[in-house]
Amino acid sequence: MSTLKTNTIKNTDDVEMYLAKAWVNFNGTGTVAIRAAGNVSSITDNGTGDYTVNFTNALVDANYSLVGVSSGVNGVSYPSIVAPSLATLFTTTAARVQVSGSNGDITADRDPPIVCVSIFR
């Protein structure tokens, strides 16, 4: 198999295309486990709904964008948000995220069975 290396990818209109620098799909319930990933070496479970996504290869800087989504908890489809954690800023080697959702008037951190995070730079 060959490896293609390039500094910039552009479409036919000469517009630069940005690809994910890291992504992961993991089980956030019980023992945290990665299902599939790219440039993610491990997940650290910091507590309920609080995870650190550790990168295999460091990013060039910490000025990236993080997007995420998660499933409901215990078969209930709570609206869930995967967001950067206020506990730490982004670093070149990891991103800390929190998963929270609401059920009526109660909003709390959650450990969902499916958490997906993508990093773009």
Protein backbone atom coordinates (compact mmCIF):
# COMPACT_ATOMS: atom_id res chain seq x y z
CA MET A 1 0.00 0.00 0.00
CA SER A 2 1.24 3.49 -0.85
CA THR A 3 1.06 6.59 1.31
CA LEU A 4 0.04 9.89 -0.22
CA LYS A 5 1.52 12.94 1.51
CA THR A 6 0.58 16.53 0.79
CA ASN A 7 0.46 19.86 2.61
CA THR A 8 -2.79 21.13 1.11
CA ILE A 9 -5.82 19.54 -0.53
CA LYS A 10 -8.03 21.73 -2.72
CA ASN A 11 -11.19 21.03 -4.68
CA THR A 12 -11.60 21.82 -8.38
CA ASP A 13 -12.66 25.39 -7.53
CA ASP A 14 -9.27 25.92 -5.81
CA VAL A 15 -10.88 26.03 -2.33
CA GLU A 16 -8.87 24.36 0.43
CA MET A 17 -10.53 21.31 2.01
CA TYR A 18 -10.10 20.66 5.72
CA LEU A 19 -10.08 17.08 6.96
CA ALA A 20 -10.53 15.76 10.48
CA LYS A 21 -7.24 15.74 12.40
CA ALA A 22 -8.67 13.24 14.88
CA TRP A 23 -11.95 11.41 15.45
CA VAL A 24 -13.29 8.75 17.80
CA ASN A 25 -16.40 6.68 18.49
CA PHE A 26 -16.34 5.22 22.01
CA ASN A 27 -18.42 3.60 24.73
CA GLY A 28 -18.86 6.09 27.55
CA THR A 29 -20.70 3.70 29.89
CA GLY A 30 -18.92 1.46 32.41
CA THR A 31 -15.42 0.71 31.18
CA VAL A 32 -14.69 3.28 28.49
CA ALA A 33 -13.66 1.59 25.25
CA ILE A 34 -12.83 2.90 21.78
CA ARG A 35 -14.87 1.31 18.98
CA ALA A 36 -13.06 3.05 16.12
CA ALA A 37 -10.74 6.04 15.85
CA GLY A 38 -8.28 8.02 13.81
CA ASN A 39 -5.32 9.73 15.53
CA VAL A 40 -6.79 8.91 18.97
CA SER A 41 -4.67 6.71 21.24
CA SER A 42 -6.95 6.47 24.26
CA ILE A 43 -9.85 7.94 26.23
CA THR A 44 -9.47 8.93 29.88
CA ASP A 45 -12.62 8.71 32.03
CA ASN A 46 -12.45 11.69 34.42
CA GLY A 47 -15.87 11.09 35.98
CA THR A 48 -19.52 11.11 34.93
CA GLY A 49 -19.81 12.60 31.46
CA ASP A 50 -16.22 13.89 31.59
CA TYR A 51 -13.66 12.44 29.16
CA THR A 52 -10.23 13.29 27.77
CA VAL A 53 -9.57 12.36 24.15
CA ASN A 54 -5.81 11.69 23.84
CA PHE A 55 -4.22 12.13 20.40
CA THR A 56 -1.79 9.62 18.91
CA ASN A 57 0.12 12.40 17.12
CA ALA A 58 0.19 15.92 18.52
CA LEU A 59 -1.57 18.65 16.57
CA VAL A 60 0.39 21.66 15.30
CA ASP A 61 -1.30 23.92 17.85
CA ALA A 62 -4.34 24.02 20.12
CA ASN A 63 -6.43 26.27 17.85
CA TYR A 64 -8.80 23.57 16.62
CA SER A 65 -12.53 23.03 16.52
CA LEU A 66 -14.25 20.18 18.33
CA VAL A 67 -17.65 18.75 17.43
CA GLY A 68 -19.40 15.85 19.09
CA VAL A 69 -22.60 13.92 19.52
CA SER A 70 -23.80 11.18 21.85
CA SER A 71 -26.62 8.71 22.20
CA GLY A 72 -29.27 8.71 24.90
CA VAL A 73 -28.78 6.98 28.25
CA ASN A 74 -30.54 3.78 29.38
CA GLY A 75 -32.72 3.67 26.27
CA VAL A 76 -34.03 7.20 26.86
CA SER A 77 -33.21 9.69 24.13
CA TYR A 78 -32.16 12.66 26.23
CA PRO A 79 -31.00 15.69 24.26
CA SER A 80 -27.24 15.44 24.80
CA ILE A 81 -24.44 17.90 24.19
CA VAL A 82 -20.78 17.02 23.78
CA ALA A 83 -18.81 20.18 24.47
CA PRO A 84 -15.29 21.28 25.41
CA SER A 85 -14.79 20.97 29.13
CA LEU A 86 -14.47 24.15 31.16
CA ALA A 87 -11.98 22.29 33.37
CA THR A 88 -9.13 22.53 30.86
CA LEU A 89 -8.29 24.31 27.64
CA PHE A 90 -7.43 22.41 24.48
CA THR A 91 -3.85 21.20 24.22
CA THR A 92 -1.90 19.84 21.27
CA THR A 93 -2.03 16.32 22.74
CA ALA A 94 -5.58 16.06 24.12
CA ALA A 95 -9.06 17.56 24.30
CA ARG A 96 -11.28 17.27 27.34
CA VAL A 97 -15.04 17.02 26.70
CA GLN A 98 -18.18 16.87 28.79
CA VAL A 99 -21.43 15.14 27.87
CA SER A 100 -24.59 16.52 29.44
CA GLY A 101 -28.27 16.17 28.73
CA SER A 102 -31.62 17.11 30.12
CA ASN A 103 -34.74 15.20 31.06
CA GLY A 104 -37.43 17.77 31.70
CA ASP A 105 -36.13 20.24 34.26
CA ILE A 106 -33.08 18.17 35.20
CA THR A 107 -29.79 18.78 33.38
CA ALA A 108 -26.82 16.64 34.34
CA ASP A 109 -23.64 15.07 33.07
CA ARG A 110 -24.25 11.65 31.53
CA ASP A 111 -22.29 8.51 30.58
CA PRO A 112 -23.90 7.54 27.24
CA PRO A 113 -23.17 4.25 25.47
CA ILE A 114 -22.09 6.07 22.30
CA VAL A 115 -19.92 9.21 22.21
CA CYS A 116 -18.48 10.56 18.94
CA VAL A 117 -15.92 13.40 18.78
CA SER A 118 -14.21 14.95 15.74
CA ILE A 119 -11.37 17.47 15.73
CA PHE A 120 -10.82 19.87 12.80
CA ARG A 121 -7.88 22.24 12.24
